Protein backbone atom coordinates (compact mmCIF):
# COMPACT_ATOMS: atom_id res chain seq x y z
CA UNK A 1 0.00 0.00 0.00
CA UNK A 2 1.17 3.51 -0.82
CA UNK A 3 2.13 5.80 2.01
CA UNK A 4 1.09 9.43 2.23
CA UNK A 5 3.46 12.34 2.90
CA UNK A 6 2.49 14.45 5.93
CA UNK A 7 3.99 17.35 7.83
CA UNK A 8 3.59 16.87 11.58
CA UNK A 9 3.86 19.86 13.93
CA UNK A 10 5.25 18.65 17.25
CA UNK A 11 6.53 19.91 20.57
CA UNK A 12 10.11 19.29 21.60
CA UNK A 13 8.90 16.63 24.04
CA UNK A 14 6.97 14.80 21.32
CA UNK A 15 10.01 14.87 19.03
CA UNK A 16 12.17 13.60 21.87
CA UNK A 17 9.80 10.70 22.61
CA UNK A 18 9.72 9.73 18.93
CA UNK A 19 13.51 9.91 18.73
CA UNK A 20 13.60 7.51 21.69
CA UNK A 21 11.42 5.04 19.78
CA UNK A 22 8.05 5.77 21.39
CA UNK A 23 4.92 6.23 19.28
CA UNK A 24 2.95 9.47 19.36
CA UNK A 25 -0.83 9.43 19.06
CA UNK A 26 -3.65 11.77 18.07
CA UNK A 27 -1.63 14.32 16.12
CA UNK A 28 -2.62 17.23 13.92
CA UNK A 29 -0.90 16.96 10.54
CA UNK A 30 -0.89 18.82 7.26
CA UNK A 31 -0.96 17.14 3.85
CA UNK A 32 -1.27 18.19 0.26
CA UNK A 33 -4.89 18.02 -0.83
CA UNK A 34 -7.02 19.95 -3.29
CA UNK A 35 -8.12 22.39 -0.57
CA UNK A 36 -4.52 23.30 0.23
CA UNK A 37 -3.67 23.68 -3.46
CA UNK A 38 -6.72 25.92 -3.92
CA UNK A 39 -5.85 28.03 -0.86
CA UNK A 40 -2.36 28.69 -2.27
CA UNK A 41 -3.39 28.88 -5.94
CA UNK A 42 -1.23 25.87 -6.85
CA UNK A 43 -1.71 23.59 -9.84
CA UNK A 44 -1.49 19.81 -9.50
CA UNK A 45 1.95 19.87 -11.16
CA UNK A 46 3.35 22.16 -8.44
CA UNK A 47 4.10 19.39 -5.95
CA UNK A 48 7.22 20.92 -4.43
CA UNK A 49 5.44 24.21 -3.75
CA UNK A 50 2.46 22.35 -2.26
CA UNK A 51 4.75 20.36 0.05
CA UNK A 52 6.37 23.63 1.13
CA UNK A 53 2.96 25.18 1.85
CA UNK A 54 2.00 22.19 4.02
CA UNK A 55 5.34 22.51 5.83
CA UNK A 56 4.84 26.22 6.52
CA UNK A 57 1.31 25.67 7.82
CA UNK A 58 2.55 22.89 10.08
CA UNK A 59 5.35 25.15 11.32
CA UNK A 60 2.87 27.88 12.27
CA UNK A 61 0.68 25.32 14.04
CA UNK A 62 3.72 24.18 16.05
CA UNK A 63 4.82 27.74 16.80
CA UNK A 64 1.44 28.88 18.10
CA UNK A 65 0.76 25.71 20.09
CA UNK A 66 4.24 24.75 21.33
CA UNK A 67 6.31 27.97 21.14
CA UNK A 68 8.74 26.70 18.53
CA UNK A 69 8.61 25.66 14.87
CA UNK A 70 9.34 21.93 14.86
CA UNK A 71 7.91 19.90 12.00
CA UNK A 72 8.49 16.26 11.26
CA UNK A 73 7.94 14.92 7.78
CA UNK A 74 6.70 11.37 7.57
CA UNK A 75 5.24 8.77 5.26
CA UNK A 76 2.17 7.21 6.88
CA UNK A 77 -0.58 4.75 6.04
CA UNK A 78 -3.58 6.69 4.70
CA UNK A 79 -5.89 4.56 6.89
CA UNK A 80 -4.39 6.30 9.94
CA UNK A 81 -5.57 9.71 8.70
CA UNK A 82 -8.91 11.29 9.46
CA UNK A 83 -10.59 14.64 9.71
CA UNK A 84 -8.68 17.15 11.78
CA UNK A 85 -8.61 20.89 12.26
CA UNK A 86 -7.81 23.27 9.41
CA UNK A 87 -9.08 20.87 6.70
CA UNK A 88 -9.31 23.74 4.22
CA UNK A 89 -5.53 24.12 4.69
CA UNK A 90 -4.77 20.41 4.32
CA UNK A 91 -5.18 19.72 8.03
CA UNK A 92 -5.90 16.18 9.13
CA UNK A 93 -5.76 13.93 12.18
CA UNK A 94 -3.13 11.20 12.46
CA UNK A 95 -3.95 8.31 14.75
CA UNK A 96 -0.38 7.08 15.36
CA UNK A 97 3.11 8.13 14.29
CA UNK A 98 5.92 5.62 14.66
CA UNK A 99 9.63 6.44 14.61
CA UNK A 100 10.38 4.47 11.40
CA UNK A 101 7.86 6.59 9.47
CA UNK A 102 9.66 9.87 10.28
CA UNK A 103 11.88 11.07 7.44
CA UNK A 104 13.18 14.40 8.73
CA UNK A 105 12.92 17.12 11.36
CA UNK A 106 12.70 20.79 10.39
CA UNK A 107 13.19 23.71 12.75
CA UNK A 108 14.36 27.31 12.83
CA UNK A 109 17.90 28.49 12.65
CA UNK A 110 19.12 30.19 15.86
CA UNK A 111 18.97 33.61 14.15
CA UNK A 112 15.16 33.31 14.09
CA UNK A 113 14.84 32.96 17.88
CA UNK A 114 13.89 36.60 18.54
CA UNK A 115 11.17 36.55 15.87
CA UNK A 116 9.92 33.15 17.09
CA UNK A 117 9.76 34.43 20.70
CA UNK A 118 7.80 37.49 19.58
CA UNK A 119 5.17 35.42 17.77
CA UNK A 120 4.99 32.73 20.46
CA UNK A 121 4.39 35.41 23.12
CA UNK A 122 1.24 36.64 21.35
CA UNK A 123 -0.86 33.70 22.59
CA UNK A 124 -2.25 32.72 19.21
CA UNK A 125 -2.83 29.06 20.04
CA UNK A 126 -6.55 29.15 19.37
CA UNK A 127 -6.45 31.35 16.29
CA UNK A 128 -7.10 30.03 12.80
CA UNK A 129 -4.02 29.66 10.64
CA UNK A 130 -5.54 31.97 8.02
CA UNK A 131 -5.53 34.80 10.59
CA UNK A 132 -2.04 33.98 11.84
CA UNK A 133 -0.67 33.81 8.28
CA UNK A 134 -1.66 37.44 7.65
CA UNK A 135 0.26 38.92 10.61
CA UNK A 136 3.23 41.07 9.59
CA UNK A 137 5.62 39.39 12.04
CA UNK A 138 4.60 35.96 10.75
CA UNK A 139 5.19 37.00 7.15
CA UNK A 140 8.59 38.38 8.19
CA UNK A 141 9.49 35.04 9.79
CA UNK A 142 8.30 33.00 6.79
CA UNK A 143 10.13 35.18 4.28
CA UNK A 144 13.39 35.70 6.18
CA UNK A 145 13.92 32.42 8.06
CA UNK A 146 13.88 29.09 6.28
CA UNK A 147 13.41 25.94 8.29
CA UNK A 148 16.58 23.87 8.57
CA UNK A 149 16.64 20.13 7.89
CA UNK A 150 17.85 17.57 10.44
CA UNK A 151 17.40 13.89 11.06
CA UNK A 152 15.47 12.95 14.17
CA UNK A 153 18.72 11.44 15.49
CA UNK A 154 20.25 14.94 15.49
CA UNK A 155 17.69 16.28 17.99
CA UNK A 156 20.10 16.01 20.97
CA UNK A 157 22.69 18.10 19.10
CA UNK A 158 20.33 21.08 18.90
CA UNK A 159 20.92 21.90 22.57
CA UNK A 160 17.27 22.02 23.64
CA UNK A 161 16.19 20.73 27.01
CA UNK A 162 12.54 21.81 27.18
CA UNK A 163 9.70 23.25 25.10
CA UNK A 164 10.86 26.83 25.50
CA UNK A 165 13.43 28.45 23.27
CA UNK A 166 17.03 28.51 24.41
CA UNK A 167 18.00 31.69 26.24
CA UNK A 168 19.79 34.38 24.25
C-alpha atoms as a PDB file:
ATOM      1  CA  UNK A   1       0.000   0.000   0.000  1.00  0.00           C
ATOM      2  CA  UNK A   2       1.167   3.507  -0.824  1.00  0.00           C
ATOM      3  CA  UNK A   3       2.127   5.803   2.006  1.00  0.00           C
ATOM      4  CA  UNK A   4       1.085   9.434   2.232  1.00  0.00           C
ATOM      5  CA  UNK A   5       3.462  12.341   2.896  1.00  0.00           C
ATOM      6  CA  UNK A   6       2.485  14.450   5.926  1.00  0.00           C
ATOM      7  CA  UNK A   7       3.990  17.350   7.828  1.00  0.00           C
ATOM      8  CA  UNK A   8       3.595  16.865  11.578  1.00  0.00           C
ATOM      9  CA  UNK A   9       3.861  19.862  13.927  1.00  0.00           C
ATOM     10  CA  UNK A  10       5.253  18.647  17.249  1.00  0.00           C
ATOM     11  CA  UNK A  11       6.527  19.909  20.571  1.00  0.00           C
ATOM     12  CA  UNK A  12      10.106  19.293  21.596  1.00  0.00           C
ATOM     13  CA  UNK A  13       8.903  16.632  24.043  1.00  0.00           C
ATOM     14  CA  UNK A  14       6.968  14.802  21.321  1.00  0.00           C
ATOM     15  CA  UNK A  15      10.009  14.867  19.033  1.00  0.00           C
ATOM     16  CA  UNK A  16      12.174  13.601  21.871  1.00  0.00           C
ATOM     17  CA  UNK A  17       9.803  10.702  22.610  1.00  0.00           C
ATOM     18  CA  UNK A  18       9.716   9.731  18.926  1.00  0.00           C
ATOM     19  CA  UNK A  19      13.513   9.907  18.728  1.00  0.00           C
ATOM     20  CA  UNK A  20      13.595   7.506  21.690  1.00  0.00           C
ATOM     21  CA  UNK A  21      11.424   5.036  19.781  1.00  0.00           C
ATOM     22  CA  UNK A  22       8.050   5.770  21.385  1.00  0.00           C
ATOM     23  CA  UNK A  23       4.924   6.233  19.283  1.00  0.00           C
ATOM     24  CA  UNK A  24       2.949   9.468  19.356  1.00  0.00           C
ATOM     25  CA  UNK A  25      -0.826   9.430  19.062  1.00  0.00           C
ATOM     26  CA  UNK A  26      -3.653  11.775  18.071  1.00  0.00           C
ATOM     27  CA  UNK A  27      -1.626  14.317  16.118  1.00  0.00           C
ATOM     28  CA  UNK A  28      -2.622  17.232  13.922  1.00  0.00           C
ATOM     29  CA  UNK A  29      -0.896  16.956  10.540  1.00  0.00           C
ATOM     30  CA  UNK A  30      -0.890  18.823   7.257  1.00  0.00           C
ATOM     31  CA  UNK A  31      -0.961  17.145   3.851  1.00  0.00           C
ATOM     32  CA  UNK A  32      -1.267  18.191   0.258  1.00  0.00           C
ATOM     33  CA  UNK A  33      -4.891  18.015  -0.834  1.00  0.00           C
ATOM     34  CA  UNK A  34      -7.024  19.952  -3.289  1.00  0.00           C
ATOM     35  CA  UNK A  35      -8.124  22.391  -0.570  1.00  0.00           C
ATOM     36  CA  UNK A  36      -4.518  23.298   0.234  1.00  0.00           C
ATOM     37  CA  UNK A  37      -3.667  23.678  -3.462  1.00  0.00           C
ATOM     38  CA  UNK A  38      -6.718  25.922  -3.922  1.00  0.00           C
ATOM     39  CA  UNK A  39      -5.853  28.029  -0.863  1.00  0.00           C
ATOM     40  CA  UNK A  40      -2.362  28.689  -2.267  1.00  0.00           C
ATOM     41  CA  UNK A  41      -3.390  28.880  -5.935  1.00  0.00           C
ATOM     42  CA  UNK A  42      -1.229  25.873  -6.850  1.00  0.00           C
ATOM     43  CA  UNK A  43      -1.709  23.594  -9.838  1.00  0.00           C
ATOM     44  CA  UNK A  44      -1.486  19.814  -9.504  1.00  0.00           C
ATOM     45  CA  UNK A  45       1.946  19.869 -11.163  1.00  0.00           C
ATOM     46  CA  UNK A  46       3.350  22.156  -8.438  1.00  0.00           C
ATOM     47  CA  UNK A  47       4.104  19.389  -5.953  1.00  0.00           C
ATOM     48  CA  UNK A  48       7.222  20.921  -4.431  1.00  0.00           C
ATOM     49  CA  UNK A  49       5.443  24.210  -3.754  1.00  0.00           C
ATOM     50  CA  UNK A  50       2.459  22.345  -2.262  1.00  0.00           C
ATOM     51  CA  UNK A  51       4.750  20.358   0.054  1.00  0.00           C
ATOM     52  CA  UNK A  52       6.371  23.632   1.130  1.00  0.00           C
ATOM     53  CA  UNK A  53       2.962  25.184   1.847  1.00  0.00           C
ATOM     54  CA  UNK A  54       2.004  22.187   4.018  1.00  0.00           C
ATOM     55  CA  UNK A  55       5.343  22.515   5.831  1.00  0.00           C
ATOM     56  CA  UNK A  56       4.840  26.220   6.517  1.00  0.00           C
ATOM     57  CA  UNK A  57       1.306  25.674   7.822  1.00  0.00           C
ATOM     58  CA  UNK A  58       2.555  22.887  10.084  1.00  0.00           C
ATOM     59  CA  UNK A  59       5.352  25.153  11.318  1.00  0.00           C
ATOM     60  CA  UNK A  60       2.871  27.881  12.275  1.00  0.00           C
ATOM     61  CA  UNK A  61       0.684  25.318  14.044  1.00  0.00           C
ATOM     62  CA  UNK A  62       3.718  24.183  16.053  1.00  0.00           C
ATOM     63  CA  UNK A  63       4.815  27.740  16.800  1.00  0.00           C
ATOM     64  CA  UNK A  64       1.435  28.882  18.096  1.00  0.00           C
ATOM     65  CA  UNK A  65       0.760  25.705  20.085  1.00  0.00           C
ATOM     66  CA  UNK A  66       4.240  24.749  21.325  1.00  0.00           C
ATOM     67  CA  UNK A  67       6.305  27.973  21.142  1.00  0.00           C
ATOM     68  CA  UNK A  68       8.740  26.697  18.528  1.00  0.00           C
ATOM     69  CA  UNK A  69       8.607  25.664  14.869  1.00  0.00           C
ATOM     70  CA  UNK A  70       9.339  21.932  14.860  1.00  0.00           C
ATOM     71  CA  UNK A  71       7.910  19.902  11.997  1.00  0.00           C
ATOM     72  CA  UNK A  72       8.491  16.256  11.255  1.00  0.00           C
ATOM     73  CA  UNK A  73       7.943  14.915   7.780  1.00  0.00           C
ATOM     74  CA  UNK A  74       6.697  11.372   7.571  1.00  0.00           C
ATOM     75  CA  UNK A  75       5.242   8.772   5.261  1.00  0.00           C
ATOM     76  CA  UNK A  76       2.170   7.210   6.878  1.00  0.00           C
ATOM     77  CA  UNK A  77      -0.576   4.754   6.036  1.00  0.00           C
ATOM     78  CA  UNK A  78      -3.579   6.691   4.704  1.00  0.00           C
ATOM     79  CA  UNK A  79      -5.886   4.556   6.892  1.00  0.00           C
ATOM     80  CA  UNK A  80      -4.386   6.297   9.939  1.00  0.00           C
ATOM     81  CA  UNK A  81      -5.566   9.709   8.699  1.00  0.00           C
ATOM     82  CA  UNK A  82      -8.909  11.291   9.461  1.00  0.00           C
ATOM     83  CA  UNK A  83     -10.594  14.644   9.708  1.00  0.00           C
ATOM     84  CA  UNK A  84      -8.678  17.153  11.781  1.00  0.00           C
ATOM     85  CA  UNK A  85      -8.615  20.886  12.263  1.00  0.00           C
ATOM     86  CA  UNK A  86      -7.807  23.272   9.406  1.00  0.00           C
ATOM     87  CA  UNK A  87      -9.076  20.866   6.703  1.00  0.00           C
ATOM     88  CA  UNK A  88      -9.308  23.738   4.225  1.00  0.00           C
ATOM     89  CA  UNK A  89      -5.529  24.117   4.685  1.00  0.00           C
ATOM     90  CA  UNK A  90      -4.770  20.408   4.323  1.00  0.00           C
ATOM     91  CA  UNK A  91      -5.183  19.723   8.027  1.00  0.00           C
ATOM     92  CA  UNK A  92      -5.896  16.176   9.134  1.00  0.00           C
ATOM     93  CA  UNK A  93      -5.761  13.929  12.185  1.00  0.00           C
ATOM     94  CA  UNK A  94      -3.125  11.203  12.460  1.00  0.00           C
ATOM     95  CA  UNK A  95      -3.951   8.308  14.753  1.00  0.00           C
ATOM     96  CA  UNK A  96      -0.384   7.084  15.355  1.00  0.00           C
ATOM     97  CA  UNK A  97       3.107   8.127  14.293  1.00  0.00           C
ATOM     98  CA  UNK A  98       5.924   5.620  14.657  1.00  0.00           C
ATOM     99  CA  UNK A  99       9.635   6.442  14.611  1.00  0.00           C
ATOM    100  CA  UNK A 100      10.380   4.467  11.401  1.00  0.00           C
ATOM    101  CA  UNK A 101       7.859   6.590   9.468  1.00  0.00           C
ATOM    102  CA  UNK A 102       9.661   9.867  10.276  1.00  0.00           C
ATOM    103  CA  UNK A 103      11.882  11.068   7.442  1.00  0.00           C
ATOM    104  CA  UNK A 104      13.177  14.402   8.733  1.00  0.00           C
ATOM    105  CA  UNK A 105      12.916  17.118  11.355  1.00  0.00           C
ATOM    106  CA  UNK A 106      12.695  20.786  10.393  1.00  0.00           C
ATOM    107  CA  UNK A 107      13.193  23.706  12.749  1.00  0.00           C
ATOM    108  CA  UNK A 108      14.363  27.314  12.831  1.00  0.00           C
ATOM    109  CA  UNK A 109      17.902  28.493  12.650  1.00  0.00           C
ATOM    110  CA  UNK A 110      19.116  30.186  15.865  1.00  0.00           C
ATOM    111  CA  UNK A 111      18.970  33.608  14.149  1.00  0.00           C
ATOM    112  CA  UNK A 112      15.164  33.314  14.088  1.00  0.00           C
ATOM    113  CA  UNK A 113      14.837  32.961  17.881  1.00  0.00           C
ATOM    114  CA  UNK A 114      13.887  36.595  18.540  1.00  0.00           C
ATOM    115  CA  UNK A 115      11.173  36.547  15.870  1.00  0.00           C
ATOM    116  CA  UNK A 116       9.923  33.154  17.093  1.00  0.00           C
ATOM    117  CA  UNK A 117       9.758  34.435  20.698  1.00  0.00           C
ATOM    118  CA  UNK A 118       7.796  37.488  19.580  1.00  0.00           C
ATOM    119  CA  UNK A 119       5.170  35.418  17.771  1.00  0.00           C
ATOM    120  CA  UNK A 120       4.991  32.733  20.464  1.00  0.00           C
ATOM    121  CA  UNK A 121       4.388  35.412  23.117  1.00  0.00           C
ATOM    122  CA  UNK A 122       1.236  36.636  21.346  1.00  0.00           C
ATOM    123  CA  UNK A 123      -0.858  33.702  22.592  1.00  0.00           C
ATOM    124  CA  UNK A 124      -2.248  32.721  19.206  1.00  0.00           C
ATOM    125  CA  UNK A 125      -2.825  29.056  20.040  1.00  0.00           C
ATOM    126  CA  UNK A 126      -6.555  29.147  19.371  1.00  0.00           C
ATOM    127  CA  UNK A 127      -6.449  31.346  16.288  1.00  0.00           C
ATOM    128  CA  UNK A 128      -7.103  30.032  12.801  1.00  0.00           C
ATOM    129  CA  UNK A 129      -4.017  29.659  10.642  1.00  0.00           C
ATOM    130  CA  UNK A 130      -5.536  31.971   8.019  1.00  0.00           C
ATOM    131  CA  UNK A 131      -5.533  34.796  10.593  1.00  0.00           C
ATOM    132  CA  UNK A 132      -2.038  33.980  11.838  1.00  0.00           C
ATOM    133  CA  UNK A 133      -0.672  33.807   8.279  1.00  0.00           C
ATOM    134  CA  UNK A 134      -1.663  37.440   7.647  1.00  0.00           C
ATOM    135  CA  UNK A 135       0.260  38.916  10.605  1.00  0.00           C
ATOM    136  CA  UNK A 136       3.232  41.069   9.594  1.00  0.00           C
ATOM    137  CA  UNK A 137       5.619  39.389  12.044  1.00  0.00           C
ATOM    138  CA  UNK A 138       4.601  35.955  10.750  1.00  0.00           C
ATOM    139  CA  UNK A 139       5.194  36.998   7.153  1.00  0.00           C
ATOM    140  CA  UNK A 140       8.588  38.378   8.190  1.00  0.00           C
ATOM    141  CA  UNK A 141       9.487  35.037   9.793  1.00  0.00           C
ATOM    142  CA  UNK A 142       8.304  32.995   6.794  1.00  0.00           C
ATOM    143  CA  UNK A 143      10.133  35.184   4.284  1.00  0.00           C
ATOM    144  CA  UNK A 144      13.386  35.698   6.184  1.00  0.00           C
ATOM    145  CA  UNK A 145      13.925  32.423   8.055  1.00  0.00           C
ATOM    146  CA  UNK A 146      13.882  29.086   6.278  1.00  0.00           C
ATOM    147  CA  UNK A 147      13.411  25.943   8.293  1.00  0.00           C
ATOM    148  CA  UNK A 148      16.581  23.873   8.570  1.00  0.00           C
ATOM    149  CA  UNK A 149      16.636  20.132   7.889  1.00  0.00           C
ATOM    150  CA  UNK A 150      17.853  17.571  10.437  1.00  0.00           C
ATOM    151  CA  UNK A 151      17.401  13.895  11.058  1.00  0.00           C
ATOM    152  CA  UNK A 152      15.468  12.945  14.165  1.00  0.00           C
ATOM    153  CA  UNK A 153      18.715  11.444  15.493  1.00  0.00           C
ATOM    154  CA  UNK A 154      20.246  14.942  15.495  1.00  0.00           C
ATOM    155  CA  UNK A 155      17.686  16.275  17.987  1.00  0.00           C
ATOM    156  CA  UNK A 156      20.100  16.011  20.967  1.00  0.00           C
ATOM    157  CA  UNK A 157      22.692  18.103  19.097  1.00  0.00           C
ATOM    158  CA  UNK A 158      20.327  21.079  18.902  1.00  0.00           C
ATOM    159  CA  UNK A 159      20.920  21.901  22.571  1.00  0.00           C
ATOM    160  CA  UNK A 160      17.274  22.018  23.639  1.00  0.00           C
ATOM    161  CA  UNK A 161      16.190  20.733  27.011  1.00  0.00           C
ATOM    162  CA  UNK A 162      12.537  21.813  27.181  1.00  0.00           C
ATOM    163  CA  UNK A 163       9.701  23.249  25.097  1.00  0.00           C
ATOM    164  CA  UNK A 164      10.864  26.833  25.502  1.00  0.00           C
ATOM    165  CA  UNK A 165      13.428  28.447  23.267  1.00  0.00           C
ATOM    166  CA  UNK A 166      17.030  28.510  24.412  1.00  0.00           C
ATOM    167  CA  UNK A 167      17.998  31.691  26.239  1.00  0.00           C
ATOM    168  CA  UNK A 168      19.787  34.385  24.254  1.00  0.00           C
END
